[in-house]
C-alpha atoms as a PDB file:
ATOM      1  CA  UNK A   1     -38.871 -66.316 -66.201  1.00  0.00           C
ATOM      2  CA  UNK A   2     -35.747 -64.323 -67.117  1.00  0.00           C
ATOM      3  CA  UNK A   3     -33.765 -66.210 -64.483  1.00  0.00           C
ATOM      4  CA  UNK A   4     -34.940 -69.549 -65.884  1.00  0.00           C
ATOM      5  CA  UNK A   5     -34.003 -68.522 -69.433  1.00  0.00           C
ATOM      6  CA  UNK A   6     -30.526 -67.439 -68.340  1.00  0.00           C
ATOM      7  CA  UNK A   7     -30.050 -70.715 -66.534  1.00  0.00           C
ATOM      8  CA  UNK A   8     -30.980 -72.440 -69.791  1.00  0.00           C
ATOM      9  CA  UNK A   9     -28.371 -70.311 -71.619  1.00  0.00           C
ATOM     10  CA  UNK A  10     -25.715 -71.298 -69.093  1.00  0.00           C
ATOM     11  CA  UNK A  11     -26.701 -74.945 -69.482  1.00  0.00           C
ATOM     12  CA  UNK A  12     -26.356 -74.716 -73.285  1.00  0.00           C
ATOM     13  CA  UNK A  13     -22.964 -73.042 -73.053  1.00  0.00           C
ATOM     14  CA  UNK A  14     -21.780 -75.649 -70.530  1.00  0.00           C
ATOM     15  CA  UNK A  15     -22.846 -78.414 -72.940  1.00  0.00           C
ATOM     16  CA  UNK A  16     -20.864 -76.791 -75.737  1.00  0.00           C
ATOM     17  CA  UNK A  17     -17.817 -76.364 -73.490  1.00  0.00           C
ATOM     18  CA  UNK A  18     -17.932 -80.037 -72.470  1.00  0.00           C
ATOM     19  CA  UNK A  19     -17.748 -81.021 -76.148  1.00  0.00           C
ATOM     20  CA  UNK A  20     -14.709 -78.800 -76.681  1.00  0.00           C
ATOM     21  CA  UNK A  21     -13.048 -79.995 -73.467  1.00  0.00           C
ATOM     22  CA  UNK A  22     -13.498 -83.576 -74.704  1.00  0.00           C
ATOM     23  CA  UNK A  23     -11.078 -82.748 -77.505  1.00  0.00           C
ATOM     24  CA  UNK A  24     -13.318 -81.537 -80.326  1.00  0.00           C
ATOM     25  CA  UNK A  25     -11.292 -78.445 -81.243  1.00  0.00           C
ATOM     26  CA  UNK A  26     -13.139 -78.118 -84.549  1.00  0.00           C
ATOM     27  CA  UNK A  27     -16.304 -77.315 -82.643  1.00  0.00           C
ATOM     28  CA  UNK A  28     -17.496 -73.720 -82.497  1.00  0.00           C
ATOM     29  CA  UNK A  29     -20.108 -72.395 -80.086  1.00  0.00           C
ATOM     30  CA  UNK A  30     -22.855 -71.009 -82.311  1.00  0.00           C
ATOM     31  CA  UNK A  31     -25.041 -69.449 -79.648  1.00  0.00           C
ATOM     32  CA  UNK A  32     -26.491 -65.996 -79.145  1.00  0.00           C
ATOM     33  CA  UNK A  33     -26.873 -65.407 -75.433  1.00  0.00           C
ATOM     34  CA  UNK A  34     -27.016 -62.479 -73.048  1.00  0.00           C
ATOM     35  CA  UNK A  35     -24.287 -59.856 -73.304  1.00  0.00           C
ATOM     36  CA  UNK A  36     -22.291 -61.002 -70.301  1.00  0.00           C
ATOM     37  CA  UNK A  37     -22.307 -64.645 -71.319  1.00  0.00           C
ATOM     38  CA  UNK A  38     -21.732 -63.780 -74.970  1.00  0.00           C
ATOM     39  CA  UNK A  39     -18.337 -62.280 -74.155  1.00  0.00           C
ATOM     40  CA  UNK A  40     -17.339 -65.626 -72.615  1.00  0.00           C
ATOM     41  CA  UNK A  41     -18.623 -67.508 -75.675  1.00  0.00           C
ATOM     42  CA  UNK A  42     -16.678 -65.205 -78.020  1.00  0.00           C
ATOM     43  CA  UNK A  43     -13.522 -65.582 -75.928  1.00  0.00           C
ATOM     44  CA  UNK A  44     -13.795 -69.372 -75.977  1.00  0.00           C
ATOM     45  CA  UNK A  45     -14.313 -69.379 -79.757  1.00  0.00           C
ATOM     46  CA  UNK A  46     -11.268 -67.126 -80.183  1.00  0.00           C
ATOM     47  CA  UNK A  47      -9.211 -69.358 -77.898  1.00  0.00           C
ATOM     48  CA  UNK A  48     -10.191 -72.472 -79.853  1.00  0.00           C
ATOM     49  CA  UNK A  49      -9.456 -70.727 -83.143  1.00  0.00           C
ATOM     50  CA  UNK A  50      -5.996 -69.598 -81.971  1.00  0.00           C
ATOM     51  CA  UNK A  51      -5.261 -73.053 -80.572  1.00  0.00           C
ATOM     52  CA  UNK A  52      -6.128 -74.650 -83.915  1.00  0.00           C
ATOM     53  CA  UNK A  53      -3.943 -72.125 -85.693  1.00  0.00           C
ATOM     54  CA  UNK A  54      -1.040 -72.881 -83.361  1.00  0.00           C
ATOM     55  CA  UNK A  55      -1.476 -76.645 -83.831  1.00  0.00           C
ATOM     56  CA  UNK A  56      -1.572 -76.185 -87.599  1.00  0.00           C
ATOM     57  CA  UNK A  57       1.601 -74.077 -87.576  1.00  0.00           C
ATOM     58  CA  UNK A  58       3.329 -76.575 -85.304  1.00  0.00           C
ATOM     59  CA  UNK A  59       2.400 -79.461 -87.610  1.00  0.00           C
ATOM     60  CA  UNK A  60       3.615 -77.476 -90.612  1.00  0.00           C
ATOM     61  CA  UNK A  61       6.902 -76.809 -88.816  1.00  0.00           C
ATOM     62  CA  UNK A  62       7.301 -80.495 -87.928  1.00  0.00           C
ATOM     63  CA  UNK A  63       6.509 -81.536 -91.505  1.00  0.00           C
ATOM     64  CA  UNK A  64       9.050 -78.993 -92.734  1.00  0.00           C
ATOM     65  CA  UNK A  65      11.709 -80.399 -90.398  1.00  0.00           C
ATOM     66  CA  UNK A  66      10.931 -83.947 -91.535  1.00  0.00           C
ATOM     67  CA  UNK A  67      11.220 -82.837 -95.163  1.00  0.00           C
ATOM     68  CA  UNK A  68      14.501 -81.068 -94.424  1.00  0.00           C
ATOM     69  CA  UNK A  69      15.971 -84.165 -92.761  1.00  0.00           C
ATOM     70  CA  UNK A  70      14.826 -86.358 -95.655  1.00  0.00           C
ATOM     71  CA  UNK A  71      16.341 -84.017 -98.245  1.00  0.00           C
ATOM     72  CA  UNK A  72      19.631 -83.648 -96.384  1.00  0.00           C
ATOM     73  CA  UNK A  73      19.858 -87.424 -95.940  1.00  0.00           C
ATOM     74  CA  UNK A  74      19.185 -87.933 -99.649  1.00  0.00           C
ATOM     75  CA  UNK A  75      21.756 -85.365-100.782  1.00  0.00           C
ATOM     76  CA  UNK A  76      24.430 -86.654 -98.383  1.00  0.00           C
ATOM     77  CA  UNK A  77      23.895 -90.328 -99.159  1.00  0.00           C
ATOM     78  CA  UNK A  78      25.240 -90.285-102.738  1.00  0.00           C
ATOM     79  CA  UNK A  79      28.616 -88.576-102.111  1.00  0.00           C
ATOM     80  CA  UNK A  80      29.036 -90.429 -98.814  1.00  0.00           C
ATOM     81  CA  UNK A  81      28.505 -93.765-100.562  1.00  0.00           C
ATOM     82  CA  UNK A  82      31.168 -92.801-103.113  1.00  0.00           C
ATOM     83  CA  UNK A  83      33.643 -91.762-100.403  1.00  0.00           C
ATOM     84  CA  UNK A  84      33.162 -95.032 -98.509  1.00  0.00           C
ATOM     85  CA  UNK A  85      33.319 -97.042-101.730  1.00  0.00           C
ATOM     86  CA  UNK A  86      36.556 -95.590-103.069  1.00  0.00           C
ATOM     87  CA  UNK A  87      38.278 -95.528 -99.668  1.00  0.00           C
ATOM     88  CA  UNK A  88      37.116 -99.113 -99.241  1.00  0.00           C
ATOM     89  CA  UNK A  89      38.907-100.072-102.458  1.00  0.00           C
ATOM     90  CA  UNK A  90      42.094 -98.516-101.124  1.00  0.00           C
ATOM     91  CA  UNK A  91      41.623-100.093 -97.684  1.00  0.00           C
ATOM     92  CA  UNK A  92      41.094-103.505 -99.279  1.00  0.00           C
ATOM     93  CA  UNK A  93      44.135-102.990-101.549  1.00  0.00           C
ATOM     94  CA  UNK A  94      41.956-103.345-104.630  1.00  0.00           C
ATOM     95  CA  UNK A  95      44.202-101.271-106.863  1.00  0.00           C
ATOM     96  CA  UNK A  96      46.867-101.912-109.454  1.00  0.00           C
ATOM     97  CA  UNK A  97      49.316 -99.071-108.864  1.00  0.00           C
ATOM     98  CA  UNK A  98      49.860 -95.712-107.168  1.00  0.00           C
ATOM     99  CA  UNK A  99      48.076 -93.968-110.046  1.00  0.00           C
ATOM    100  CA  UNK A 100      44.876 -95.834-109.271  1.00  0.00           C
ATOM    101  CA  UNK A 101      45.224 -94.998-105.570  1.00  0.00           C
ATOM    102  CA  UNK A 102      45.545 -91.308-106.437  1.00  0.00           C
ATOM    103  CA  UNK A 103      42.500 -91.553-108.715  1.00  0.00           C
ATOM    104  CA  UNK A 104      40.370 -93.145-105.991  1.00  0.00           C
ATOM    105  CA  UNK A 105      41.510 -90.691-103.313  1.00  0.00           C
ATOM    106  CA  UNK A 106      40.914 -87.737-105.656  1.00  0.00           C
ATOM    107  CA  UNK A 107      37.310 -88.819-106.280  1.00  0.00           C
ATOM    108  CA  UNK A 108      36.768 -89.373-102.547  1.00  0.00           C
ATOM    109  CA  UNK A 109      38.202 -85.914-101.836  1.00  0.00           C
ATOM    110  CA  UNK A 110      35.899 -84.215-104.343  1.00  0.00           C
ATOM    111  CA  UNK A 111      32.874 -86.030-102.942  1.00  0.00           C
ATOM    112  CA  UNK A 112      33.908 -84.895 -99.460  1.00  0.00           C
ATOM    113  CA  UNK A 113      33.950 -81.293-100.721  1.00  0.00           C
ATOM    114  CA  UNK A 114      30.397 -81.784-102.026  1.00  0.00           C
ATOM    115  CA  UNK A 115      29.272 -82.846 -98.557  1.00  0.00           C
ATOM    116  CA  UNK A 116      31.109 -79.931 -96.944  1.00  0.00           C
ATOM    117  CA  UNK A 117      29.423 -77.511 -99.346  1.00  0.00           C
ATOM    118  CA  UNK A 118      26.001 -78.945 -98.510  1.00  0.00           C
ATOM    119  CA  UNK A 119      26.617 -78.772 -94.754  1.00  0.00           C
ATOM    120  CA  UNK A 120      27.910 -75.182 -94.991  1.00  0.00           C
ATOM    121  CA  UNK A 121      24.895 -74.135 -97.063  1.00  0.00           C
ATOM    122  CA  UNK A 122      22.567 -75.867 -94.632  1.00  0.00           C
ATOM    123  CA  UNK A 123      24.075 -74.023 -91.664  1.00  0.00           C
ATOM    124  CA  UNK A 124      23.838 -70.736 -93.560  1.00  0.00           C
ATOM    125  CA  UNK A 125      20.185 -71.351 -94.397  1.00  0.00           C
ATOM    126  CA  UNK A 126      19.374 -72.325 -90.802  1.00  0.00           C
ATOM    127  CA  UNK A 127      21.087 -69.205 -89.430  1.00  0.00           C
ATOM    128  CA  UNK A 128      19.310 -66.788 -91.753  1.00  0.00           C
ATOM    129  CA  UNK A 129      15.938 -68.470 -91.077  1.00  0.00           C
ATOM    130  CA  UNK A 130      16.222 -68.020 -87.307  1.00  0.00           C
ATOM    131  CA  UNK A 131      13.914 -65.385 -85.836  1.00  0.00           C
ATOM    132  CA  UNK A 132      16.914 -63.950 -83.984  1.00  0.00           C
ATOM    133  CA  UNK A 133      18.894 -63.395 -87.188  1.00  0.00           C
ATOM    134  CA  UNK A 134      19.877 -59.731 -87.385  1.00  0.00           C
ATOM    135  CA  UNK A 135      21.218 -57.384 -90.014  1.00  0.00           C
ATOM    136  CA  UNK A 136      24.403 -55.340 -89.752  1.00  0.00           C
ATOM    137  CA  UNK A 137      22.980 -52.293 -91.517  1.00  0.00           C
ATOM    138  CA  UNK A 138      25.060 -49.608 -93.215  1.00  0.00           C
ATOM    139  CA  UNK A 139      24.494 -47.081 -95.997  1.00  0.00           C
ATOM    140  CA  UNK A 140      25.966 -48.023 -99.357  1.00  0.00           C
ATOM    141  CA  UNK A 141      25.736 -47.361-103.094  1.00  0.00           C
ATOM    142  CA  UNK A 142      23.942 -50.230-104.840  1.00  0.00           C
ATOM    143  CA  UNK A 143      25.444 -49.254-108.203  1.00  0.00           C
ATOM    144  CA  UNK A 144      28.928 -49.477-106.733  1.00  0.00           C
ATOM    145  CA  UNK A 145      28.111 -52.914-105.309  1.00  0.00           C
ATOM    146  CA  UNK A 146      27.002 -54.167-108.730  1.00  0.00           C
ATOM    147  CA  UNK A 147      30.150 -52.724-110.343  1.00  0.00           C
ATOM    148  CA  UNK A 148      32.272 -54.582-107.788  1.00  0.00           C
ATOM    149  CA  UNK A 149      30.381 -57.816-108.448  1.00  0.00           C
ATOM    150  CA  UNK A 150      30.978 -57.350-112.167  1.00  0.00           C
ATOM    151  CA  UNK A 151      34.719 -57.016-111.547  1.00  0.00           C
ATOM    152  CA  UNK A 152      34.757 -60.024-109.200  1.00  0.00           C
ATOM    153  CA  UNK A 153      33.058 -62.306-111.730  1.00  0.00           C
ATOM    154  CA  UNK A 154      34.630 -60.898-114.911  1.00  0.00           C
ATOM    155  CA  UNK A 155      37.238 -63.668-115.257  1.00  0.00           C
ATOM    156  CA  UNK A 156      34.658 -66.437-114.768  1.00  0.00           C
ATOM    157  CA  UNK A 157      32.311 -64.746-117.246  1.00  0.00           C
ATOM    158  CA  UNK A 158      35.086 -64.499-119.848  1.00  0.00           C
ATOM    159  CA  UNK A 159      35.788 -68.216-119.483  1.00  0.00           C
ATOM    160  CA  UNK A 160      32.157 -68.889-120.279  1.00  0.00           C
ATOM    161  CA  UNK A 161      32.044 -66.449-123.187  1.00  0.00           C
ATOM    162  CA  UNK A 162      29.720 -64.083-121.316  1.00  0.00           C
ATOM    163  CA  UNK A 163      29.780 -60.313-120.981  1.00  0.00           C
ATOM    164  CA  UNK A 164      28.587 -58.695-117.745  1.00  0.00           C
ATOM    165  CA  UNK A 165      26.688 -55.443-118.255  1.00  0.00           C
ATOM    166  CA  UNK A 166      25.878 -53.116-115.347  1.00  0.00           C
ATOM    167  CA  UNK A 167      23.054 -50.599-115.711  1.00  0.00           C
ATOM    168  CA  UNK A 168      21.816 -48.145-113.093  1.00  0.00           C
ATOM    169  CA  UNK A 169      19.125 -45.495-113.016  1.00  0.00           C
ATOM    170  CA  UNK A 170      20.101 -43.068-111.545  1.00  0.00           C
ATOM    171  CA  UNK A 171      23.872 -43.546-111.699  1.00  0.00           C
ATOM    172  CA  UNK A 172      24.124 -43.558-107.893  1.00  0.00           C
ATOM    173  CA  UNK A 173      21.594 -45.365-105.690  1.00  0.00           C
ATOM    174  CA  UNK A 174      22.178 -44.919-101.976  1.00  0.00           C
ATOM    175  CA  UNK A 175      20.328 -47.318 -99.698  1.00  0.00           C
ATOM    176  CA  UNK A 176      20.638 -49.106 -96.357  1.00  0.00           C
ATOM    177  CA  UNK A 177      21.242 -52.807 -95.835  1.00  0.00           C
ATOM    178  CA  UNK A 178      23.580 -55.537 -94.725  1.00  0.00           C
ATOM    179  CA  UNK A 179      26.202 -55.481 -97.492  1.00  0.00           C
ATOM    180  CA  UNK A 180      27.617 -58.882 -96.528  1.00  0.00           C
ATOM    181  CA  UNK A 181      24.232 -60.608 -96.771  1.00  0.00           C
ATOM    182  CA  UNK A 182      23.259 -58.738 -99.934  1.00  0.00           C
ATOM    183  CA  UNK A 183      26.599 -59.656-101.460  1.00  0.00           C
ATOM    184  CA  UNK A 184      25.737 -63.294-100.719  1.00  0.00           C
ATOM    185  CA  UNK A 185      22.353 -62.853-102.430  1.00  0.00           C
ATOM    186  CA  UNK A 186      23.920 -61.525-105.637  1.00  0.00           C
ATOM    187  CA  UNK A 187      26.746 -64.061-105.523  1.00  0.00           C
ATOM    188  CA  UNK A 188      24.148 -66.847-105.425  1.00  0.00           C
ATOM    189  CA  UNK A 189      22.155 -65.358-108.291  1.00  0.00           C
ATOM    190  CA  UNK A 190      25.201 -64.785-110.498  1.00  0.00           C
ATOM    191  CA  UNK A 191      26.596 -68.250-109.760  1.00  0.00           C
ATOM    192  CA  UNK A 192      23.149 -69.665-110.555  1.00  0.00           C
ATOM    193  CA  UNK A 193      23.207 -67.863-113.937  1.00  0.00           C
ATOM    194  CA  UNK A 194      26.638 -69.307-114.722  1.00  0.00           C
ATOM    195  CA  UNK A 195      25.582 -72.845-113.820  1.00  0.00           C
ATOM    196  CA  UNK A 196      22.168 -73.009-115.443  1.00  0.00           C
ATOM    197  CA  UNK A 197      22.088 -70.229-118.074  1.00  0.00           C
ATOM    198  CA  UNK A 198      23.218 -72.580-120.818  1.00  0.00           C
ATOM    199  CA  UNK A 199      24.247 -70.733-123.976  1.00  0.00           C
ATOM    200  CA  UNK A 200      24.096 -67.277-122.366  1.00  0.00           C
ATOM    201  CA  UNK A 201      26.240 -64.539-123.887  1.00  0.00           C
ATOM    202  CA  UNK A 202      25.193 -61.698-121.578  1.00  0.00           C
ATOM    203  CA  UNK A 203      24.618 -61.263-117.869  1.00  0.00           C
ATOM    204  CA  UNK A 204      22.839 -58.069-116.830  1.00  0.00           C
ATOM    205  CA  UNK A 205      23.092 -56.491-113.367  1.00  0.00           C
ATOM    206  CA  UNK A 206      20.520 -53.698-113.323  1.00  0.00           C
ATOM    207  CA  UNK A 207      19.383 -51.334-110.575  1.00  0.00           C
ATOM    208  CA  UNK A 208      16.588 -48.790-110.647  1.00  0.00           C
ATOM    209  CA  UNK A 209      15.244 -46.464-107.982  1.00  0.00           C
ATOM    210  CA  UNK A 210      11.545 -45.556-108.023  1.00  0.00           C
ATOM    211  CA  UNK A 211       9.533 -43.479-105.534  1.00  0.00           C
ATOM    212  CA  UNK A 212       8.451 -46.727-103.824  1.00  0.00           C
ATOM    213  CA  UNK A 213      11.449 -49.050-103.988  1.00  0.00           C
ATOM    214  CA  UNK A 214      14.845 -50.022-105.314  1.00  0.00           C
ATOM    215  CA  UNK A 215      14.579 -52.702-107.998  1.00  0.00           C
ATOM    216  CA  UNK A 216      17.557 -54.921-108.806  1.00  0.00           C
ATOM    217  CA  UNK A 217      17.552 -57.394-111.689  1.00  0.00           C
ATOM    218  CA  UNK A 218      20.031 -60.198-112.325  1.00  0.00           C
ATOM    219  CA  UNK A 219      19.309 -61.508-115.819  1.00  0.00           C
ATOM    220  CA  UNK A 220      20.857 -63.653-118.525  1.00  0.00           C
ATOM    221  CA  UNK A 221      19.906 -64.628-122.079  1.00  0.00           C
ATOM    222  CA  UNK A 222      20.632 -68.326-121.703  1.00  0.00           C
ATOM    223  CA  UNK A 223      18.333 -71.326-121.819  1.00  0.00           C
ATOM    224  CA  UNK A 224      14.944 -70.534-120.314  1.00  0.00           C
ATOM    225  CA  UNK A 225      13.544 -72.195-117.202  1.00  0.00           C
ATOM    226  CA  UNK A 226      10.446 -74.385-117.753  1.00  0.00           C
ATOM    227  CA  UNK A 227       7.306 -72.514-116.665  1.00  0.00           C
ATOM    228  CA  UNK A 228       6.303 -75.375-114.387  1.00  0.00           C
ATOM    229  CA  UNK A 229       9.517 -74.951-112.397  1.00  0.00           C
ATOM    230  CA  UNK A 230       9.349 -71.184-111.795  1.00  0.00           C
ATOM    231  CA  UNK A 231       7.064 -71.391-108.758  1.00  0.00           C
ATOM    232  CA  UNK A 232       9.375 -73.935-107.070  1.00  0.00           C
ATOM    233  CA  UNK A 233      12.785 -72.342-107.637  1.00  0.00           C
ATOM    234  CA  UNK A 234      12.981 -70.885-104.122  1.00  0.00           C
ATOM    235  CA  UNK A 235      11.951 -74.156-102.438  1.00  0.00           C
ATOM    236  CA  UNK A 236      14.664 -75.796-100.368  1.00  0.00           C
ATOM    237  CA  UNK A 237      16.619 -78.445-102.291  1.00  0.00           C
ATOM    238  CA  UNK A 238      14.582 -77.913-105.460  1.00  0.00           C
ATOM    239  CA  UNK A 239      16.462 -78.300-108.720  1.00  0.00           C
ATOM    240  CA  UNK A 240      15.112 -78.123-112.239  1.00  0.00           C
ATOM    241  CA  UNK A 241      15.355 -81.728-113.451  1.00  0.00           C
ATOM    242  CA  UNK A 242      17.677 -80.881-116.362  1.00  0.00           C
ATOM    243  CA  UNK A 243      20.145 -79.350-113.881  1.00  0.00           C
ATOM    244  CA  UNK A 244      20.651 -82.599-111.959  1.00  0.00           C
ATOM    245  CA  UNK A 245      24.031 -83.539-113.362  1.00  0.00           C
ATOM    246  CA  UNK A 246      27.646 -83.798-112.291  1.00  0.00           C
ATOM    247  CA  UNK A 247      28.679 -80.674-114.154  1.00  0.00           C
ATOM    248  CA  UNK A 248      26.366 -78.208-112.406  1.00  0.00           C
ATOM    249  CA  UNK A 249      26.061 -79.901-109.014  1.00  0.00           C
ATOM    250  CA  UNK A 250      24.693 -77.490-106.416  1.00  0.00           C
ATOM    251  CA  UNK A 251      22.989 -77.984-103.077  1.00  0.00           C
ATOM    252  CA  UNK A 252      19.548 -76.710-104.035  1.00  0.00           C
ATOM    253  CA  UNK A 253      19.778 -74.165-101.193  1.00  0.00           C
ATOM    254  CA  UNK A 254      21.295 -71.157-102.969  1.00  0.00           C
ATOM    255  CA  UNK A 255      18.025 -69.543-104.047  1.00  0.00           C
ATOM    256  CA  UNK A 256      16.311 -70.381-100.741  1.00  0.00           C
ATOM    257  CA  UNK A 257      19.152 -68.621 -98.915  1.00  0.00           C
ATOM    258  CA  UNK A 258      18.880 -65.635-101.270  1.00  0.00           C
ATOM    259  CA  UNK A 259      15.131 -65.369-100.679  1.00  0.00           C
ATOM    260  CA  UNK A 260      15.554 -65.520 -96.887  1.00  0.00           C
ATOM    261  CA  UNK A 261      18.179 -62.767 -96.939  1.00  0.00           C
ATOM    262  CA  UNK A 262      16.017 -60.566 -99.140  1.00  0.00           C
ATOM    263  CA  UNK A 263      13.090 -61.074 -96.750  1.00  0.00           C
ATOM    264  CA  UNK A 264      15.295 -59.996 -93.845  1.00  0.00           C
ATOM    265  CA  UNK A 265      15.614 -56.666 -95.673  1.00  0.00           C
ATOM    266  CA  UNK A 266      11.842 -56.404 -96.015  1.00  0.00           C
ATOM    267  CA  UNK A 267      12.081 -57.101 -99.734  1.00  0.00           C
ATOM    268  CA  UNK A 268      10.700 -59.615-102.214  1.00  0.00           C
ATOM    269  CA  UNK A 269      12.328 -61.682-104.946  1.00  0.00           C
ATOM    270  CA  UNK A 270      10.672 -63.219-107.991  1.00  0.00           C
ATOM    271  CA  UNK A 271      11.716 -64.781-111.289  1.00  0.00           C
ATOM    272  CA  UNK A 272      10.576 -64.577-114.891  1.00  0.00           C
ATOM    273  CA  UNK A 273      11.849 -66.612-117.827  1.00  0.00           C
ATOM    274  CA  UNK A 274      11.197 -66.723-121.554  1.00  0.00           C
ATOM    275  CA  UNK A 275      13.164 -67.250-124.772  1.00  0.00           C
ATOM    276  CA  UNK A 276      14.826 -63.837-124.434  1.00  0.00           C
ATOM    277  CA  UNK A 277      15.708 -63.575-120.747  1.00  0.00           C
ATOM    278  CA  UNK A 278      15.682 -65.248-117.381  1.00  0.00           C
ATOM    279  CA  UNK A 279      15.539 -62.531-114.725  1.00  0.00           C
ATOM    280  CA  UNK A 280      15.573 -62.580-110.939  1.00  0.00           C
ATOM    281  CA  UNK A 281      13.888 -59.390-109.745  1.00  0.00           C
ATOM    282  CA  UNK A 282      14.354 -58.006-106.235  1.00  0.00           C
ATOM    283  CA  UNK A 283      12.306 -55.175-104.717  1.00  0.00           C
ATOM    284  CA  UNK A 284      13.713 -53.358-101.686  1.00  0.00           C
ATOM    285  CA  UNK A 285      11.223 -50.945-100.065  1.00  0.00           C
ATOM    286  CA  UNK A 286      12.259 -47.285 -99.808  1.00  0.00           C
ATOM    287  CA  UNK A 287      10.826 -47.004 -96.305  1.00  0.00           C
ATOM    288  CA  UNK A 288      13.595 -47.459 -93.791  1.00  0.00           C
ATOM    289  CA  UNK A 289      16.272 -46.721 -96.376  1.00  0.00           C
END
C-alpha cells in the first residue's frame, strides 16, 4: 500500500515536471509528498524561481540598454544635424562673406563640443556602473575638501551673484574614500546648482558627522524643483522640462553619475526642494571609515 502511494507521488511529481519542462516557468509544484521526494520538489521550485528572477533581470537589463541607446541617439541627433547643416552650407558655398563662414563654423564647433561632452559623460557613467569599478581609497578631511571646492568655484559664483558658505560640524571630519570620484560628485552637484538654481543668492556646502554617518549637503536658495520631478532627478538623461533650453544645456547624466559614485562608497543620495531651499543630501556610513 505504501509502495503504491509513493509510486502515485512520483507520478504526480513527474506530471508537474513535464509541465515545467514544456516551458511553463510560472508553474509551481504545490505538492506535499514524502520527505525524500519533497526535497526534490523544493529544489525544483527554487530552481524555477531563480530562473524566473534571472530572466526578469536580464529583460530589465536589455530594456535599460534599449532605453540608453534611444536616449543617446536622441541627444546626439540634434547637435549632429546642426553640424551637418552648417558645414553643408559652407560646403555648398551658401554664404555671403568670410564673416558668415566663421559664424557657421563657430556654431558647428559648439555643437561638436556638445556631442563630445555627452560622449565623455556616457563613458564616465558606463565606467562607474561596471561591477569591476573600484575605488582608490585614502583618508581625507571632508571639511578641507569642501573648502577647496568653495575656492575653486568662487569666481563662477561671484559672476552669478552667489555666495558660497561652508559649514562643518565638527570643524574637522576625517573619513575614507576616493577623493577623485567624490570631487566629481560635488562638482556635478555644484554645477547643477549654478545651472538650475535660478535666482539663488547662496550656495551652502555643509558637512556633519554623527555616530552613524557623515552627512554632506549641497544646497541653494534658488528656484525650487517641481515635486513631481524629484523622484526622477537621478534617472539617466532626465531633465526637468523647464531646464531644456540652450542656456543650461547639460547631458542629463550628471546626477546619475553622482548617484553611482556615492553608491560605490556605500552611501545614499537624496534631494529635497521647497521655496526656501533645494538640497542634495548624501549619507556616507561610518562603518569602514
